[in-house]
PDB file of N, CA and C in Angstrom:
ATOM      1  N   MET A   1      40.868 -85.060 -40.763  1.00  0.00           N
ATOM      2  CA  MET A   1      40.017 -85.711 -39.787  1.00  0.00           C
ATOM      3  C   MET A   1      39.983 -84.930 -38.471  1.00  0.00           C
ATOM      4  N   ALA A   2      41.100 -84.386 -38.093  1.00  0.00           N
ATOM      5  CA  ALA A   2      41.156 -83.629 -36.846  1.00  0.00           C
ATOM      6  C   ALA A   2      40.336 -82.350 -36.945  1.00  0.00           C
ATOM      7  N   VAL A   3      40.240 -81.771 -38.122  1.00  0.00           N
ATOM      8  CA  VAL A   3      39.464 -80.550 -38.298  1.00  0.00           C
ATOM      9  C   VAL A   3      37.988 -80.834 -38.068  1.00  0.00           C
ATOM     10  N   LYS A   4      37.478 -81.944 -38.550  1.00  0.00           N
ATOM     11  CA  LYS A   4      36.075 -82.298 -38.351  1.00  0.00           C
ATOM     12  C   LYS A   4      35.767 -82.535 -36.878  1.00  0.00           C
ATOM     13  N   LEU A   5      36.689 -83.085 -36.157  1.00  0.00           N
ATOM     14  CA  LEU A   5      36.454 -83.316 -34.735  1.00  0.00           C
ATOM     15  C   LEU A   5      36.369 -81.996 -33.966  1.00  0.00           C
ATOM     16  N   LEU A   6      37.155 -81.023 -34.371  1.00  0.00           N
ATOM     17  CA  LEU A   6      37.111 -79.736 -33.690  1.00  0.00           C
ATOM     18  C   LEU A   6      35.824 -78.975 -33.996  1.00  0.00           C
ATOM     19  N   LEU A   7      35.293 -79.130 -35.179  1.00  0.00           N
ATOM     20  CA  LEU A   7      34.080 -78.416 -35.557  1.00  0.00           C
ATOM     21  C   LEU A   7      32.823 -79.046 -34.965  1.00  0.00           C
ATOM     22  N   ARG A   8      32.848 -80.324 -34.686  1.00  0.00           N
ATOM     23  CA  ARG A   8      31.667 -81.016 -34.165  1.00  0.00           C
ATOM     24  C   ARG A   8      31.815 -81.255 -32.665  1.00  0.00           C
ATOM     25  N   ARG A   9      31.638 -80.242 -31.920  1.00  0.00           N
ATOM     26  CA  ARG A   9      31.730 -80.408 -30.471  1.00  0.00           C
ATOM     27  C   ARG A   9      30.334 -80.704 -29.937  1.00  0.00           C
ATOM     28  N   SER A  10      30.232 -81.702 -29.129  1.00  0.00           N
ATOM     29  CA  SER A  10      28.926 -82.084 -28.595  1.00  0.00           C
ATOM     30  C   SER A  10      28.655 -81.446 -27.230  1.00  0.00           C
ATOM     31  N   ASP A  11      29.615 -80.717 -26.697  1.00  0.00           N
ATOM     32  CA  ASP A  11      29.411 -80.117 -25.384  1.00  0.00           C
ATOM     33  C   ASP A  11      29.022 -78.640 -25.480  1.00  0.00           C
ATOM     34  N   ARG A  12      28.135 -78.329 -26.396  1.00  0.00           N
ATOM     35  CA  ARG A  12      27.651 -76.956 -26.544  1.00  0.00           C
ATOM     36  C   ARG A  12      26.673 -76.632 -25.421  1.00  0.00           C
ATOM     37  N   THR A  13      26.598 -75.347 -25.102  1.00  0.00           N
ATOM     38  CA  THR A  13      25.686 -74.902 -24.049  1.00  0.00           C
ATOM     39  C   THR A  13      24.258 -74.910 -24.574  1.00  0.00           C
ATOM     40  N   ASN A  14      23.367 -75.386 -23.745  1.00  0.00           N
ATOM     41  CA  ASN A  14      21.952 -75.475 -24.092  1.00  0.00           C
ATOM     42  C   ASN A  14      21.398 -74.060 -24.328  1.00  0.00           C
ATOM     43  N   PRO A  15      20.587 -73.862 -25.360  1.00  0.00           N
ATOM     44  CA  PRO A  15      20.005 -72.535 -25.617  1.00  0.00           C
ATOM     45  C   PRO A  15      19.147 -72.012 -24.460  1.00  0.00           C
ATOM     46  N   VAL A  16      18.547 -72.905 -23.695  1.00  0.00           N
ATOM     47  CA  VAL A  16      17.754 -72.466 -22.545  1.00  0.00           C
ATOM     48  C   VAL A  16      18.665 -71.794 -21.511  1.00  0.00           C
ATOM     49  N   ILE A  17      19.849 -72.333 -21.325  1.00  0.00           N
ATOM     50  CA  ILE A  17      20.814 -71.741 -20.396  1.00  0.00           C
ATOM     51  C   ILE A  17      21.220 -70.352 -20.881  1.00  0.00           C
ATOM     52  N   TRP A  18      21.430 -70.217 -22.182  1.00  0.00           N
ATOM     53  CA  TRP A  18      21.772 -68.903 -22.737  1.00  0.00           C
ATOM     54  C   TRP A  18      20.635 -67.911 -22.522  1.00  0.00           C
ATOM     55  N   ALA A  19      19.403 -68.360 -22.732  1.00  0.00           N
ATOM     56  CA  ALA A  19      18.252 -67.470 -22.541  1.00  0.00           C
ATOM     57  C   ALA A  19      18.148 -67.020 -21.084  1.00  0.00           C
ATOM     58  N   LEU A  20      18.344 -67.953 -20.156  1.00  0.00           N
ATOM     59  CA  LEU A  20      18.305 -67.592 -18.739  1.00  0.00           C
ATOM     60  C   LEU A  20      19.438 -66.636 -18.378  1.00  0.00           C
ATOM     61  N   ALA A  21      20.599 -66.843 -18.959  1.00  0.00           N
ATOM     62  CA  ALA A  21      21.731 -65.952 -18.691  1.00  0.00           C
ATOM     63  C   ALA A  21      21.445 -64.541 -19.203  1.00  0.00           C
ATOM     64  N   ILE A  22      20.818 -64.440 -20.363  1.00  0.00           N
ATOM     65  CA  ILE A  22      20.487 -63.127 -20.923  1.00  0.00           C
ATOM     66  C   ILE A  22      19.431 -62.433 -20.063  1.00  0.00           C
ATOM     67  N   VAL A  23      18.419 -63.178 -19.617  1.00  0.00           N
ATOM     68  CA  VAL A  23      17.373 -62.600 -18.768  1.00  0.00           C
ATOM     69  C   VAL A  23      17.965 -62.124 -17.441  1.00  0.00           C
ATOM     70  N   CYS A  24      18.809 -62.950 -16.831  1.00  0.00           N
ATOM     71  CA  CYS A  24      19.423 -62.559 -15.552  1.00  0.00           C
ATOM     72  C   CYS A  24      20.339 -61.352 -15.724  1.00  0.00           C
ATOM     73  N   THR A  25      21.068 -61.314 -16.814  1.00  0.00           N
ATOM     74  CA  THR A  25      21.933 -60.166 -17.072  1.00  0.00           C
ATOM     75  C   THR A  25      21.097 -58.899 -17.234  1.00  0.00           C
ATOM     76  N   GLY A  26      19.977 -59.012 -17.934  1.00  0.00           N
ATOM     77  CA  GLY A  26      19.086 -57.864 -18.089  1.00  0.00           C
ATOM     78  C   GLY A  26      18.531 -57.387 -16.760  1.00  0.00           C
ATOM     79  N   LEU A  27      18.168 -58.328 -15.884  1.00  0.00           N
ATOM     80  CA  LEU A  27      17.664 -57.946 -14.567  1.00  0.00           C
ATOM     81  C   LEU A  27      18.741 -57.253 -13.736  1.00  0.00           C
ATOM     82  N   VAL A  28      19.953 -57.758 -13.796  1.00  0.00           N
ATOM     83  CA  VAL A  28      21.048 -57.142 -13.042  1.00  0.00           C
ATOM     84  C   VAL A  28      21.300 -55.724 -13.543  1.00  0.00           C
ATOM     85  N   VAL A  29      21.312 -55.546 -14.838  1.00  0.00           N
ATOM     86  CA  VAL A  29      21.526 -54.210 -15.407  1.00  0.00           C
ATOM     87  C   VAL A  29      20.383 -53.278 -14.995  1.00  0.00           C
ATOM     88  N   ALA A  30      19.151 -53.779 -15.009  1.00  0.00           N
ATOM     89  CA  ALA A  30      18.003 -52.955 -14.616  1.00  0.00           C
ATOM     90  C   ALA A  30      18.093 -52.544 -13.147  1.00  0.00           C
ATOM     91  N   VAL A  31      18.500 -53.454 -12.285  1.00  0.00           N
ATOM     92  CA  VAL A  31      18.626 -53.132 -10.858  1.00  0.00           C
ATOM     93  C   VAL A  31      19.717 -52.089 -10.639  1.00  0.00           C
ATOM     94  N   ILE A  32      20.834 -52.241 -11.328  1.00  0.00           N
ATOM     95  CA  ILE A  32      21.931 -51.280 -11.182  1.00  0.00           C
ATOM     96  C   ILE A  32      21.507 -49.903 -11.681  1.00  0.00           C
ATOM     97  N   LEU A  33      20.856 -49.843 -12.831  1.00  0.00           N
ATOM     98  CA  LEU A  33      20.405 -48.556 -13.366  1.00  0.00           C
ATOM     99  C   LEU A  33      19.356 -47.908 -12.466  1.00  0.00           C
ATOM    100  N   THR A  34      18.469 -48.710 -11.891  1.00  0.00           N
ATOM    101  CA  THR A  34      17.472 -48.174 -10.967  1.00  0.00           C
ATOM    102  C   THR A  34      18.146 -47.605  -9.725  1.00  0.00           C
ATOM    103  N   GLY A  35      19.132 -48.301  -9.209  1.00  0.00           N
ATOM    104  CA  GLY A  35      19.868 -47.794  -8.051  1.00  0.00           C
ATOM    105  C   GLY A  35      20.569 -46.485  -8.345  1.00  0.00           C
ATOM    106  N   ILE A  36      21.169 -46.386  -9.517  1.00  0.00           N
ATOM    107  CA  ILE A  36      21.838 -45.140  -9.902  1.00  0.00           C
ATOM    108  C   ILE A  36      20.819 -44.013 -10.026  1.00  0.00           C
ATOM    109  N   ALA A  37      19.658 -44.304 -10.618  1.00  0.00           N
ATOM    110  CA  ALA A  37      18.625 -43.276 -10.773  1.00  0.00           C
ATOM    111  C   ALA A  37      18.110 -42.802  -9.417  1.00  0.00           C
ATOM    112  N   VAL A  38      17.886 -43.723  -8.496  1.00  0.00           N
ATOM    113  CA  VAL A  38      17.414 -43.341  -7.159  1.00  0.00           C
ATOM    114  C   VAL A  38      18.465 -42.494  -6.454  1.00  0.00           C
ATOM    115  N   PHE A  39      19.724 -42.854  -6.586  1.00  0.00           N
ATOM    116  CA  PHE A  39      20.798 -42.095  -5.948  1.00  0.00           C
ATOM    117  C   PHE A  39      20.893 -40.686  -6.528  1.00  0.00           C
ATOM    118  N   VAL A  40      20.750 -40.558  -7.839  1.00  0.00           N
ATOM    119  CA  VAL A  40      20.812 -39.236  -8.473  1.00  0.00           C
ATOM    120  C   VAL A  40      19.630 -38.383  -8.021  1.00  0.00           C
ATOM    121  N   ILE A  41      18.448 -38.966  -7.961  1.00  0.00           N
ATOM    122  CA  ILE A  41      17.268 -38.220  -7.497  1.00  0.00           C
ATOM    123  C   ILE A  41      17.460 -37.789  -6.048  1.00  0.00           C
ATOM    124  N   TYR A  42      18.028 -38.662  -5.229  1.00  0.00           N
ATOM    125  CA  TYR A  42      18.305 -38.303  -3.836  1.00  0.00           C
ATOM    126  C   TYR A  42      19.278 -37.127  -3.760  1.00  0.00           C
ATOM    127  N   LEU A  43      20.310 -37.146  -4.587  1.00  0.00           N
ATOM    128  CA  LEU A  43      21.277 -36.057  -4.572  1.00  0.00           C
ATOM    129  C   LEU A  43      20.676 -34.750  -5.069  1.00  0.00           C
ATOM    130  N   VAL A  44      19.736 -34.829  -6.010  1.00  0.00           N
ATOM    131  CA  VAL A  44      19.120 -33.615  -6.543  1.00  0.00           C
ATOM    132  C   VAL A  44      18.219 -32.969  -5.490  1.00  0.00           C
ATOM    133  N   TYR A  45      17.399 -33.758  -4.823  1.00  0.00           N
ATOM    134  CA  TYR A  45      16.443 -33.198  -3.875  1.00  0.00           C
ATOM    135  C   TYR A  45      17.030 -32.980  -2.485  1.00  0.00           C
ATOM    136  N   GLN A  46      18.029 -33.721  -2.092  1.00  0.00           N
ATOM    137  CA  GLN A  46      18.681 -33.634  -0.780  1.00  0.00           C
ATOM    138  C   GLN A  46      17.669 -33.397   0.337  1.00  0.00           C
ATOM    139  N   PRO A  47      16.942 -34.420   0.724  1.00  0.00           N
ATOM    140  CA  PRO A  47      15.914 -34.240   1.749  1.00  0.00           C
ATOM    141  C   PRO A  47      16.522 -33.819   3.087  1.00  0.00           C
ATOM    142  N   LYS A  48      15.833 -32.932   3.752  1.00  0.00           N
ATOM    143  CA  LYS A  48      16.268 -32.443   5.055  1.00  0.00           C
ATOM    144  C   LYS A  48      15.457 -33.142   6.145  1.00  0.00           C
ATOM    145  N   ALA A  49      15.987 -33.142   7.340  1.00  0.00           N
ATOM    146  CA  ALA A  49      15.263 -33.723   8.466  1.00  0.00           C
ATOM    147  C   ALA A  49      14.037 -32.855   8.756  1.00  0.00           C
ATOM    148  N   PRO A  50      12.909 -33.475   9.025  1.00  0.00           N
ATOM    149  CA  PRO A  50      11.713 -32.680   9.297  1.00  0.00           C
ATOM    150  C   PRO A  50      11.869 -31.901  10.603  1.00  0.00           C
ATOM    151  N   SER A  51      11.368 -30.698  10.606  1.00  0.00           N
ATOM    152  CA  SER A  51      11.400 -29.892  11.824  1.00  0.00           C
ATOM    153  C   SER A  51      10.005 -29.346  12.073  1.00  0.00           C
ATOM    154  N   SER A  52       9.635 -29.339  13.306  1.00  0.00           N
ATOM    155  CA  SER A  52       8.326 -28.786  13.652  1.00  0.00           C
ATOM    156  C   SER A  52       8.527 -27.727  14.721  1.00  0.00           C
ATOM    157  N   GLU A  53       7.820 -26.655  14.565  1.00  0.00           N
ATOM    158  CA  GLU A  53       7.918 -25.564  15.519  1.00  0.00           C
ATOM    159  C   GLU A  53       6.625 -25.511  16.311  1.00  0.00           C
ATOM    160  N   SER A  54       6.772 -25.453  17.610  1.00  0.00           N
ATOM    161  CA  SER A  54       5.596 -25.333  18.467  1.00  0.00           C
ATOM    162  C   SER A  54       5.780 -24.097  19.343  1.00  0.00           C
ATOM    163  N   PRO A  55       4.686 -23.495  19.734  1.00  0.00           N
ATOM    164  CA  PRO A  55       4.800 -22.301  20.575  1.00  0.00           C
ATOM    165  C   PRO A  55       5.411 -22.671  21.927  1.00  0.00           C
ATOM    166  N   PRO A  56       6.068 -21.731  22.554  1.00  0.00           N
ATOM    167  CA  PRO A  56       6.668 -22.037  23.861  1.00  0.00           C
ATOM    168  C   PRO A  56       5.588 -22.322  24.898  1.00  0.00           C
ATOM    169  N   PRO A  57       5.899 -23.134  25.875  1.00  0.00           N
ATOM    170  CA  PRO A  57       4.879 -23.446  26.890  1.00  0.00           C
ATOM    171  C   PRO A  57       4.557 -22.211  27.727  1.00  0.00           C
ATOM    172  N   THR A  58       3.295 -22.063  28.015  1.00  0.00           N
ATOM    173  CA  THR A  58       2.861 -20.925  28.839  1.00  0.00           C
ATOM    174  C   THR A  58       2.130 -21.460  30.054  1.00  0.00           C
ATOM    175  N   SER A  59       2.189 -20.728  31.103  1.00  0.00           N
ATOM    176  CA  SER A  59       1.471 -21.150  32.309  1.00  0.00           C
ATOM    177  C   SER A  59       0.047 -20.615  32.233  1.00  0.00           C
ATOM    178  N   THR A  60      -0.846 -21.372  32.758  1.00  0.00           N
ATOM    179  CA  THR A  60      -2.246 -20.947  32.772  1.00  0.00           C
ATOM    180  C   THR A  60      -2.596 -20.444  34.163  1.00  0.00           C
ATOM    181  N   ALA A  61      -3.683 -19.782  34.262  1.00  0.00           N
ATOM    182  CA  ALA A  61      -4.136 -19.245  35.545  1.00  0.00           C
ATOM    183  C   ALA A  61      -4.842 -20.317  36.363  1.00  0.00           C
ATOM    184  N   TRP A  62      -4.996 -21.472  35.855  1.00  0.00           N
ATOM    185  CA  TRP A  62      -5.686 -22.545  36.557  1.00  0.00           C
ATOM    186  C   TRP A  62      -4.711 -23.239  37.492  1.00  0.00           C
ATOM    187  N   SER A  63      -5.162 -23.615  38.593  1.00  0.00           N
ATOM    188  CA  SER A  63      -4.338 -24.392  39.512  1.00  0.00           C
ATOM    189  C   SER A  63      -5.121 -25.632  39.915  1.00  0.00           C
ATOM    190  N   THR A  64      -4.413 -26.639  40.305  1.00  0.00           N
ATOM    191  CA  THR A  64      -5.070 -27.885  40.679  1.00  0.00           C
ATOM    192  C   THR A  64      -4.706 -28.236  42.111  1.00  0.00           C
ATOM    193  N   THR A  65      -5.518 -29.074  42.717  1.00  0.00           N
ATOM    194  CA  THR A  65      -5.221 -29.567  44.059  1.00  0.00           C
ATOM    195  C   THR A  65      -4.258 -30.731  43.952  1.00  0.00           C
ATOM    196  N   LYS A  66      -3.868 -31.283  45.088  1.00  0.00           N
ATOM    197  CA  LYS A  66      -2.934 -32.407  45.074  1.00  0.00           C
ATOM    198  C   LYS A  66      -3.539 -33.635  44.400  1.00  0.00           C
ATOM    199  N   GLN A  67      -4.848 -33.763  44.419  1.00  0.00           N
ATOM    200  CA  GLN A  67      -5.490 -34.904  43.784  1.00  0.00           C
ATOM    201  C   GLN A  67      -5.623 -34.717  42.274  1.00  0.00           C
ATOM    202  N   GLY A  68      -5.309 -33.554  41.772  1.00  0.00           N
ATOM    203  CA  GLY A  68      -5.366 -33.323  40.345  1.00  0.00           C
ATOM    204  C   GLY A  68      -6.671 -32.728  39.870  1.00  0.00           C
ATOM    205  N   SER A  69      -7.558 -32.351  40.782  1.00  0.00           N
ATOM    206  CA  SER A  69      -8.828 -31.759  40.361  1.00  0.00           C
ATOM    207  C   SER A  69      -8.784 -30.254  40.590  1.00  0.00           C
ATOM    208  N   LEU A  70      -9.634 -29.545  39.887  1.00  0.00           N
ATOM    209  CA  LEU A  70      -9.697 -28.095  40.033  1.00  0.00           C
ATOM    210  C   LEU A  70     -10.365 -27.739  41.360  1.00  0.00           C
ATOM    211  N   PRO A  71      -9.850 -26.727  42.046  1.00  0.00           N
ATOM    212  CA  PRO A  71     -10.498 -26.342  43.316  1.00  0.00           C
ATOM    213  C   PRO A  71     -11.841 -25.672  43.045  1.00  0.00           C
ATOM    214  N   SER A  72     -12.778 -25.914  43.915  1.00  0.00           N
ATOM    215  CA  SER A  72     -14.092 -25.279  43.748  1.00  0.00           C
ATOM    216  C   SER A  72     -14.100 -24.003  44.572  1.00  0.00           C
ATOM    217  N   SER A  73     -14.216 -22.894  43.911  1.00  0.00           N
ATOM    218  CA  SER A  73     -14.217 -21.626  44.643  1.00  0.00           C
ATOM    219  C   SER A  73     -15.383 -20.771  44.261  1.00  0.00           C
TER     220      SER A  73
END
């Protein structure tokens, strides 16, 4: 009699809960694998800080008055 009681447990987990657990586990694994892939790609390419080169400033032959306008000569 005790054997039958052990085999007939009524507190089994609902199959919907199992399905949700499997889906969530799959999503977690996918997120972790995506993170690893992004990290590996980052390590392969090793992006550098952008640099821009501009010519050195030069003075022009133009001069301005105190008001900021060109003198009329």
